[in-house]
Amino acid sequence: METVVTVLVLLFAVFVVLGAYAAVKVVGAAKRSVDRTITQARRTVEDHTLRAKSFTQLGPAGELAQLRLTLRTSMRATQDALYAGVHEDESLKESIALFERLSVHGRELEGDLKRLEAEPDRATLAERLPALRERTRRITESADSLRWAARDRARRFADDDLDTLSAQIDVEAGALRHWTKTEPTEPTTGPTTEPPAAAADPRTWPGAPRQASAEEPARPAITPSGRRPVYPWQKKPRPESTT
């Protein structure tokens, strides 16, 4: 009885632990989902705000907003392309490592642009704009280069796979239509006709006497009678007298 109770207590404890673990995992997944949703919503709001500032504000303030929007769009697109393709192409890990190093400079530039939006000295801001514009150009060009290289690599793999698949399908289709293949036919030889050499010989004309050929033995005109048999009871022929 005590053994049964102990087993039941242990099973209950195991179920409690498993339930608590599952609850923690579910809460953590829900929290991460909420955080991801909030982050995406915040980014969307910031992007729309920057787009509106770039169209409504003039001068350095509007250009700063445009630089921030260009930087954020390029870096986010490159990040999505690399992390989406690394599951199928392991060689993109090196590209991701380079992108992480580039992201450090991108976040630093993003912070500088964001702080300068509240700069009251417009003259100083105008002086710094060329350097900020150059940094933004270099970072976005590097990010775009990585992104397009990854996309070209994926498209190349897709084209190679499509070529191989098309060749295999052509072979299979030919095998399925095996009855349409024309078998090589041997040339038919018709009856050979001898040249009418005998027609040129007047001896073969109708009514002409047939000449004996070399293969056919010559027959005598009258067949001589064979030698008569001599029997013992017959008398010898008497010789005729000359008188």
C-alpha atoms as a PDB file:
ATOM      1  CA  MET A   1       0.000   0.000   0.000  1.00  0.00           C
ATOM      2  CA  GLU A   2       2.783   2.392   0.907  1.00  0.00           C
ATOM      3  CA  THR A   3       4.477   1.664  -2.433  1.00  0.00           C
ATOM      4  CA  VAL A   4       1.352   2.600  -4.335  1.00  0.00           C
ATOM      5  CA  VAL A   5       1.038   5.851  -2.417  1.00  0.00           C
ATOM      6  CA  THR A   6       4.687   6.685  -3.086  1.00  0.00           C
ATOM      7  CA  VAL A   7       4.268   6.048  -6.813  1.00  0.00           C
ATOM      8  CA  LEU A   8       1.189   8.248  -6.935  1.00  0.00           C
ATOM      9  CA  VAL A   9       2.965  11.063  -5.103  1.00  0.00           C
ATOM     10  CA  LEU A  10       5.895  10.839  -7.501  1.00  0.00           C
ATOM     11  CA  LEU A  11       3.604  10.904 -10.516  1.00  0.00           C
ATOM     12  CA  PHE A  12       1.774  13.908  -9.119  1.00  0.00           C
ATOM     13  CA  ALA A  13       5.071  15.725  -8.537  1.00  0.00           C
ATOM     14  CA  VAL A  14       6.213  14.935 -12.080  1.00  0.00           C
ATOM     15  CA  PHE A  15       2.953  16.244 -13.515  1.00  0.00           C
ATOM     16  CA  VAL A  16       3.259  19.430 -11.451  1.00  0.00           C
ATOM     17  CA  VAL A  17       6.817  20.030 -12.630  1.00  0.00           C
ATOM     18  CA  LEU A  18       5.919  19.370 -16.256  1.00  0.00           C
ATOM     19  CA  GLY A  19       2.913  21.663 -15.995  1.00  0.00           C
ATOM     20  CA  ALA A  20       5.004  24.438 -14.475  1.00  0.00           C
ATOM     21  CA  TYR A  21       7.667  24.030 -17.177  1.00  0.00           C
ATOM     22  CA  ALA A  22       5.042  24.121 -19.931  1.00  0.00           C
ATOM     23  CA  ALA A  23       3.440  27.197 -18.367  1.00  0.00           C
ATOM     24  CA  VAL A  24       6.801  28.978 -18.226  1.00  0.00           C
ATOM     25  CA  LYS A  25       7.523  28.123 -21.864  1.00  0.00           C
ATOM     26  CA  VAL A  26       4.119  29.318 -22.973  1.00  0.00           C
ATOM     27  CA  VAL A  27       4.454  32.554 -21.009  1.00  0.00           C
ATOM     28  CA  GLY A  28       7.939  33.124 -22.409  1.00  0.00           C
ATOM     29  CA  ALA A  29       6.800  32.492 -25.973  1.00  0.00           C
ATOM     30  CA  ALA A  30       3.849  34.829 -25.491  1.00  0.00           C
ATOM     31  CA  LYS A  31       6.109  37.504 -24.015  1.00  0.00           C
ATOM     32  CA  ARG A  32       8.543  37.210 -26.909  1.00  0.00           C
ATOM     33  CA  SER A  33       5.694  37.409 -29.373  1.00  0.00           C
ATOM     34  CA  VAL A  34       4.329  40.509 -27.659  1.00  0.00           C
ATOM     35  CA  ASP A  35       7.771  42.109 -27.545  1.00  0.00           C
ATOM     36  CA  ARG A  36       8.312  41.330 -31.220  1.00  0.00           C
ATOM     37  CA  THR A  37       4.956  42.793 -32.105  1.00  0.00           C
ATOM     38  CA  ILE A  38       5.637  45.921 -30.073  1.00  0.00           C
ATOM     39  CA  THR A  39       9.072  46.313 -31.659  1.00  0.00           C
ATOM     40  CA  GLN A  40       7.665  45.951 -35.152  1.00  0.00           C
ATOM     41  CA  ALA A  41       4.894  48.417 -34.386  1.00  0.00           C
ATOM     42  CA  ARG A  42       7.411  50.910 -32.977  1.00  0.00           C
ATOM     43  CA  ARG A  43       9.593  50.547 -36.072  1.00  0.00           C
ATOM     44  CA  THR A  44       6.598  51.032 -38.344  1.00  0.00           C
ATOM     45  CA  VAL A  45       5.587  54.166 -36.489  1.00  0.00           C
ATOM     46  CA  GLU A  46       9.145  55.543 -36.607  1.00  0.00           C
ATOM     47  CA  ASP A  47       9.407  54.809 -40.337  1.00  0.00           C
ATOM     48  CA  HIS A  48       6.143  56.598 -41.069  1.00  0.00           C
ATOM     49  CA  THR A  49       7.233  59.518 -38.892  1.00  0.00           C
ATOM     50  CA  LEU A  50      10.572  59.810 -40.692  1.00  0.00           C
ATOM     51  CA  ARG A  51       8.854  59.579 -44.081  1.00  0.00           C
ATOM     52  CA  ALA A  52       6.475  62.342 -43.086  1.00  0.00           C
ATOM     53  CA  LYS A  53       9.338  64.553 -41.821  1.00  0.00           C
ATOM     54  CA  SER A  54      11.309  64.028 -45.025  1.00  0.00           C
ATOM     55  CA  PHE A  55       8.356  65.374 -47.044  1.00  0.00           C
ATOM     56  CA  THR A  56       7.112  68.103 -44.693  1.00  0.00           C
ATOM     57  CA  GLN A  57      10.313  69.545 -43.246  1.00  0.00           C
ATOM     58  CA  LEU A  58      12.715  71.506 -45.365  1.00  0.00           C
ATOM     59  CA  GLY A  59      16.435  72.034 -45.005  1.00  0.00           C
ATOM     60  CA  PRO A  60      18.781  69.969 -42.817  1.00  0.00           C
ATOM     61  CA  ALA A  61      15.979  68.535 -40.649  1.00  0.00           C
ATOM     62  CA  GLY A  62      14.226  66.990 -43.626  1.00  0.00           C
ATOM     63  CA  GLU A  63      17.497  65.629 -45.005  1.00  0.00           C
ATOM     64  CA  LEU A  64      18.359  64.056 -41.654  1.00  0.00           C
ATOM     65  CA  ALA A  65      15.011  62.287 -41.628  1.00  0.00           C
ATOM     66  CA  GLN A  66      15.622  61.043 -45.170  1.00  0.00           C
ATOM     67  CA  LEU A  67      19.082  59.734 -44.240  1.00  0.00           C
ATOM     68  CA  ARG A  68      17.695  57.866 -41.245  1.00  0.00           C
ATOM     69  CA  LEU A  69      14.923  56.329 -43.329  1.00  0.00           C
ATOM     70  CA  THR A  70      17.346  55.222 -46.049  1.00  0.00           C
ATOM     71  CA  LEU A  71      19.730  53.709 -43.497  1.00  0.00           C
ATOM     72  CA  ARG A  72      17.018  51.844 -41.603  1.00  0.00           C
ATOM     73  CA  THR A  73      15.393  50.467 -44.753  1.00  0.00           C
ATOM     74  CA  SER A  74      18.658  49.177 -46.216  1.00  0.00           C
ATOM     75  CA  MET A  75      19.917  47.573 -43.009  1.00  0.00           C
ATOM     76  CA  ARG A  76      16.593  45.892 -42.218  1.00  0.00           C
ATOM     77  CA  ALA A  77      16.215  44.478 -45.745  1.00  0.00           C
ATOM     78  CA  THR A  78      19.761  43.086 -45.674  1.00  0.00           C
ATOM     79  CA  GLN A  79      19.256  41.533 -42.251  1.00  0.00           C
ATOM     80  CA  ASP A  80      16.038  39.821 -43.339  1.00  0.00           C
ATOM     81  CA  ALA A  81      17.620  38.480 -46.539  1.00  0.00           C
ATOM     82  CA  LEU A  82      20.704  37.056 -44.817  1.00  0.00           C
ATOM     83  CA  TYR A  83      18.947  35.464 -41.867  1.00  0.00           C
ATOM     84  CA  ALA A  84      16.289  33.971 -44.132  1.00  0.00           C
ATOM     85  CA  GLY A  85      18.854  32.432 -46.493  1.00  0.00           C
ATOM     86  CA  VAL A  86      21.276  31.028 -43.909  1.00  0.00           C
ATOM     87  CA  HIS A  87      18.926  28.100 -43.222  1.00  0.00           C
ATOM     88  CA  GLU A  88      19.449  26.848 -46.790  1.00  0.00           C
ATOM     89  CA  ASP A  89      23.006  28.091 -47.428  1.00  0.00           C
ATOM     90  CA  GLU A  90      25.523  27.663 -44.623  1.00  0.00           C
ATOM     91  CA  SER A  91      28.084  29.843 -46.414  1.00  0.00           C
ATOM     92  CA  LEU A  92      25.998  32.921 -45.533  1.00  0.00           C
ATOM     93  CA  LYS A  93      27.263  32.696 -41.958  1.00  0.00           C
ATOM     94  CA  GLU A  94      30.364  34.614 -42.969  1.00  0.00           C
ATOM     95  CA  SER A  95      28.172  37.256 -44.607  1.00  0.00           C
ATOM     96  CA  ILE A  96      26.125  37.515 -41.421  1.00  0.00           C
ATOM     97  CA  ALA A  97      29.306  38.022 -39.405  1.00  0.00           C
ATOM     98  CA  LEU A  98      30.312  40.876 -41.715  1.00  0.00           C
ATOM     99  CA  PHE A  99      26.837  42.337 -41.494  1.00  0.00           C
ATOM    100  CA  GLU A 100      26.977  42.312 -37.702  1.00  0.00           C
ATOM    101  CA  ARG A 101      30.184  44.337 -37.855  1.00  0.00           C
ATOM    102  CA  LEU A 102      28.529  46.703 -40.314  1.00  0.00           C
ATOM    103  CA  SER A 103      25.500  46.990 -38.036  1.00  0.00           C
ATOM    104  CA  VAL A 104      27.708  48.467 -35.311  1.00  0.00           C
ATOM    105  CA  HIS A 105      28.546  51.382 -37.597  1.00  0.00           C
ATOM    106  CA  GLY A 106      24.932  51.596 -38.719  1.00  0.00           C
ATOM    107  CA  ARG A 107      23.594  51.869 -35.168  1.00  0.00           C
ATOM    108  CA  GLU A 108      26.216  54.456 -34.334  1.00  0.00           C
ATOM    109  CA  LEU A 109      25.223  56.517 -37.361  1.00  0.00           C
ATOM    110  CA  GLU A 110      21.545  56.087 -36.498  1.00  0.00           C
ATOM    111  CA  GLY A 111      22.202  57.476 -33.029  1.00  0.00           C
ATOM    112  CA  ASP A 112      24.115  60.473 -34.408  1.00  0.00           C
ATOM    113  CA  LEU A 113      21.355  61.298 -36.887  1.00  0.00           C
ATOM    114  CA  LYS A 114      18.681  60.984 -34.225  1.00  0.00           C
ATOM    115  CA  ARG A 115      20.514  63.314 -31.818  1.00  0.00           C
ATOM    116  CA  LEU A 116      21.138  65.885 -34.534  1.00  0.00           C
ATOM    117  CA  GLU A 117      17.426  66.131 -35.247  1.00  0.00           C
ATOM    118  CA  ALA A 118      17.072  68.133 -32.019  1.00  0.00           C
ATOM    119  CA  GLU A 119      20.124  70.320 -32.772  1.00  0.00           C
ATOM    120  CA  PRO A 120      19.075  73.980 -32.631  1.00  0.00           C
ATOM    121  CA  ASP A 121      22.178  75.255 -34.408  1.00  0.00           C
ATOM    122  CA  ARG A 122      21.226  74.894 -38.063  1.00  0.00           C
ATOM    123  CA  ALA A 123      24.558  76.268 -39.296  1.00  0.00           C
ATOM    124  CA  THR A 124      26.562  73.590 -37.501  1.00  0.00           C
ATOM    125  CA  LEU A 125      24.087  70.976 -38.698  1.00  0.00           C
ATOM    126  CA  ALA A 126      24.519  72.106 -42.305  1.00  0.00           C
ATOM    127  CA  GLU A 127      28.300  71.802 -41.935  1.00  0.00           C
ATOM    128  CA  ARG A 128      28.060  68.215 -40.687  1.00  0.00           C
ATOM    129  CA  LEU A 129      25.557  67.059 -43.277  1.00  0.00           C
ATOM    130  CA  PRO A 130      28.117  66.195 -46.031  1.00  0.00           C
ATOM    131  CA  ALA A 131      30.054  63.872 -43.696  1.00  0.00           C
ATOM    132  CA  LEU A 132      26.816  62.280 -42.463  1.00  0.00           C
ATOM    133  CA  ARG A 133      25.632  61.867 -46.032  1.00  0.00           C
ATOM    134  CA  GLU A 134      28.903  60.125 -46.992  1.00  0.00           C
ATOM    135  CA  ARG A 135      28.770  57.762 -44.005  1.00  0.00           C
ATOM    136  CA  THR A 136      25.198  56.850 -44.830  1.00  0.00           C
ATOM    137  CA  ARG A 137      26.114  56.190 -48.445  1.00  0.00           C
ATOM    138  CA  ARG A 138      29.028  53.914 -47.571  1.00  0.00           C
ATOM    139  CA  ILE A 139      27.060  51.891 -45.031  1.00  0.00           C
ATOM    140  CA  THR A 140      23.992  51.473 -47.249  1.00  0.00           C
ATOM    141  CA  GLU A 141      26.093  50.520 -50.278  1.00  0.00           C
ATOM    142  CA  SER A 142      27.869  47.834 -48.254  1.00  0.00           C
ATOM    143  CA  ALA A 143      24.561  46.521 -46.937  1.00  0.00           C
ATOM    144  CA  ASP A 144      23.024  46.532 -50.409  1.00  0.00           C
ATOM    145  CA  SER A 145      26.053  44.701 -51.796  1.00  0.00           C
ATOM    146  CA  LEU A 146      25.691  41.915 -49.237  1.00  0.00           C
ATOM    147  CA  ARG A 147      21.954  41.655 -49.814  1.00  0.00           C
ATOM    148  CA  TRP A 148      22.136  41.494 -53.593  1.00  0.00           C
ATOM    149  CA  ALA A 149      25.033  39.031 -53.486  1.00  0.00           C
ATOM    150  CA  ALA A 150      22.979  36.713 -51.271  1.00  0.00           C
ATOM    151  CA  ARG A 151      19.972  37.031 -53.574  1.00  0.00           C
ATOM    152  CA  ASP A 152      22.054  36.396 -56.692  1.00  0.00           C
ATOM    153  CA  ARG A 153      23.573  33.317 -55.056  1.00  0.00           C
ATOM    154  CA  ALA A 154      20.138  31.963 -54.148  1.00  0.00           C
ATOM    155  CA  ARG A 155      18.825  32.649 -57.657  1.00  0.00           C
ATOM    156  CA  ARG A 156      21.870  30.926 -59.162  1.00  0.00           C
ATOM    157  CA  PHE A 157      21.246  27.831 -57.071  1.00  0.00           C
ATOM    158  CA  ALA A 158      17.584  27.912 -58.088  1.00  0.00           C
ATOM    159  CA  ASP A 159      18.502  28.191 -61.798  1.00  0.00           C
ATOM    160  CA  ASP A 160      20.967  25.288 -61.554  1.00  0.00           C
ATOM    161  CA  ASP A 161      18.402  23.148 -59.789  1.00  0.00           C
ATOM    162  CA  LEU A 162      15.790  24.071 -62.395  1.00  0.00           C
ATOM    163  CA  ASP A 163      18.161  23.145 -65.251  1.00  0.00           C
ATOM    164  CA  THR A 164      18.903  19.776 -63.662  1.00  0.00           C
ATOM    165  CA  LEU A 165      15.223  19.152 -62.991  1.00  0.00           C
ATOM    166  CA  SER A 166      14.274  20.082 -66.563  1.00  0.00           C
ATOM    167  CA  ALA A 167      16.871  17.678 -67.976  1.00  0.00           C
ATOM    168  CA  GLN A 168      15.621  14.854 -65.759  1.00  0.00           C
ATOM    169  CA  ILE A 169      12.020  15.563 -66.758  1.00  0.00           C
ATOM    170  CA  ASP A 170      12.963  15.497 -70.454  1.00  0.00           C
ATOM    171  CA  VAL A 171      14.623  12.115 -70.003  1.00  0.00           C
ATOM    172  CA  GLU A 172      11.627  10.753 -68.092  1.00  0.00           C
ATOM    173  CA  ALA A 173       9.191  12.102 -70.677  1.00  0.00           C
ATOM    174  CA  GLY A 174      11.193  10.437 -73.451  1.00  0.00           C
ATOM    175  CA  ALA A 175      11.169   7.163 -71.538  1.00  0.00           C
ATOM    176  CA  LEU A 176       7.405   7.361 -71.066  1.00  0.00           C
ATOM    177  CA  ARG A 177       6.899   7.946 -74.814  1.00  0.00           C
ATOM    178  CA  HIS A 178       9.141   5.082 -75.854  1.00  0.00           C
ATOM    179  CA  TRP A 179       6.682   3.958 -78.536  1.00  0.00           C
ATOM    180  CA  THR A 180       7.178   7.170 -80.510  1.00  0.00           C
ATOM    181  CA  LYS A 181      10.812   6.404 -81.220  1.00  0.00           C
ATOM    182  CA  THR A 182      11.345   5.250 -84.822  1.00  0.00           C
ATOM    183  CA  GLU A 183      13.301   2.036 -85.020  1.00  0.00           C
ATOM    184  CA  PRO A 184      16.063   1.950 -87.674  1.00  0.00           C
ATOM    185  CA  THR A 185      14.736   0.033 -90.685  1.00  0.00           C
ATOM    186  CA  GLU A 186      16.997  -1.991 -92.936  1.00  0.00           C
ATOM    187  CA  PRO A 187      16.921  -0.993 -96.597  1.00  0.00           C
ATOM    188  CA  THR A 188      14.698  -3.355 -98.582  1.00  0.00           C
ATOM    189  CA  THR A 189      16.415  -4.964-101.514  1.00  0.00           C
ATOM    190  CA  GLY A 190      14.148  -5.485-104.505  1.00  0.00           C
ATOM    191  CA  PRO A 191      14.480  -8.319-106.986  1.00  0.00           C
ATOM    192  CA  THR A 192      17.590  -7.944-109.007  1.00  0.00           C
ATOM    193  CA  THR A 193      17.039  -8.068-112.719  1.00  0.00           C
ATOM    194  CA  GLU A 194      19.672  -9.419-114.965  1.00  0.00           C
ATOM    195  CA  PRO A 195      20.513  -7.271-117.915  1.00  0.00           C
ATOM    196  CA  PRO A 196      18.756  -8.709-120.953  1.00  0.00           C
ATOM    197  CA  ALA A 197      21.906  -9.887-122.585  1.00  0.00           C
ATOM    198  CA  ALA A 198      20.097 -12.699-124.406  1.00  0.00           C
ATOM    199  CA  ALA A 199      17.780 -10.253-126.122  1.00  0.00           C
ATOM    200  CA  ALA A 200      20.692  -8.836-128.063  1.00  0.00           C
ATOM    201  CA  ASP A 201      21.613 -12.306-129.355  1.00  0.00           C
ATOM    202  CA  PRO A 202      19.578 -13.059-132.551  1.00  0.00           C
ATOM    203  CA  ARG A 203      19.851 -16.779-131.866  1.00  0.00           C
ATOM    204  CA  THR A 204      17.359 -16.392-129.035  1.00  0.00           C
ATOM    205  CA  TRP A 205      14.712 -14.795-131.209  1.00  0.00           C
ATOM    206  CA  PRO A 206      11.428 -16.715-131.688  1.00  0.00           C
ATOM    207  CA  GLY A 207      11.723 -19.382-134.319  1.00  0.00           C
ATOM    208  CA  ALA A 208      15.513 -19.554-134.250  1.00  0.00           C
ATOM    209  CA  PRO A 209      17.100 -22.960-133.670  1.00  0.00           C
ATOM    210  CA  ARG A 210      18.258 -23.430-130.136  1.00  0.00           C
ATOM    211  CA  GLN A 211      21.978 -23.846-129.776  1.00  0.00           C
ATOM    212  CA  ALA A 212      23.395 -26.310-127.344  1.00  0.00           C
ATOM    213  CA  SER A 213      25.003 -24.720-124.400  1.00  0.00           C
ATOM    214  CA  ALA A 214      28.201 -25.772-122.772  1.00  0.00           C
ATOM    215  CA  GLU A 215      26.367 -27.231-119.782  1.00  0.00           C
ATOM    216  CA  GLU A 216      23.904 -29.235-121.934  1.00  0.00           C
ATOM    217  CA  PRO A 217      25.468 -32.350-123.659  1.00  0.00           C
ATOM    218  CA  ALA A 218      24.918 -32.725-127.401  1.00  0.00           C
ATOM    219  CA  ARG A 219      22.263 -35.270-128.348  1.00  0.00           C
ATOM    220  CA  PRO A 220      22.660 -37.379-131.564  1.00  0.00           C
ATOM    221  CA  ALA A 221      19.985 -36.982-134.222  1.00  0.00           C
ATOM    222  CA  ILE A 222      19.100 -40.750-134.230  1.00  0.00           C
ATOM    223  CA  THR A 223      19.733 -42.843-131.181  1.00  0.00           C
ATOM    224  CA  PRO A 224      21.556 -46.052-132.250  1.00  0.00           C
ATOM    225  CA  SER A 225      20.097 -49.321-131.152  1.00  0.00           C
ATOM    226  CA  GLY A 226      21.874 -51.014-128.363  1.00  0.00           C
ATOM    227  CA  ARG A 227      23.888 -54.251-128.792  1.00  0.00           C
ATOM    228  CA  ARG A 228      21.669 -57.279-128.901  1.00  0.00           C
ATOM    229  CA  PRO A 229      22.253 -59.935-126.259  1.00  0.00           C
ATOM    230  CA  VAL A 230      23.781 -63.264-127.354  1.00  0.00           C
ATOM    231  CA  TYR A 231      22.329 -66.438-125.869  1.00  0.00           C
ATOM    232  CA  PRO A 232      24.167 -69.812-125.693  1.00  0.00           C
ATOM    233  CA  TRP A 233      21.579 -71.750-127.678  1.00  0.00           C
ATOM    234  CA  GLN A 234      21.909 -69.543-130.680  1.00  0.00           C
ATOM    235  CA  LYS A 235      24.116 -70.651-133.562  1.00  0.00           C
ATOM    236  CA  LYS A 236      26.966 -68.564-134.633  1.00  0.00           C
ATOM    237  CA  PRO A 237      26.214 -66.661-137.782  1.00  0.00           C
ATOM    238  CA  ARG A 238      27.525 -68.249-140.866  1.00  0.00           C
ATOM    239  CA  PRO A 239      29.771 -66.133-142.969  1.00  0.00           C
ATOM    240  CA  GLU A 240      28.505 -65.112-146.338  1.00  0.00           C
ATOM    241  CA  SER A 241      30.180 -66.664-149.380  1.00  0.00           C
ATOM    242  CA  THR A 242      31.887 -64.448-151.801  1.00  0.00           C
ATOM    243  CA  THR A 243      30.988 -66.737-154.684  1.00  0.00           C
END
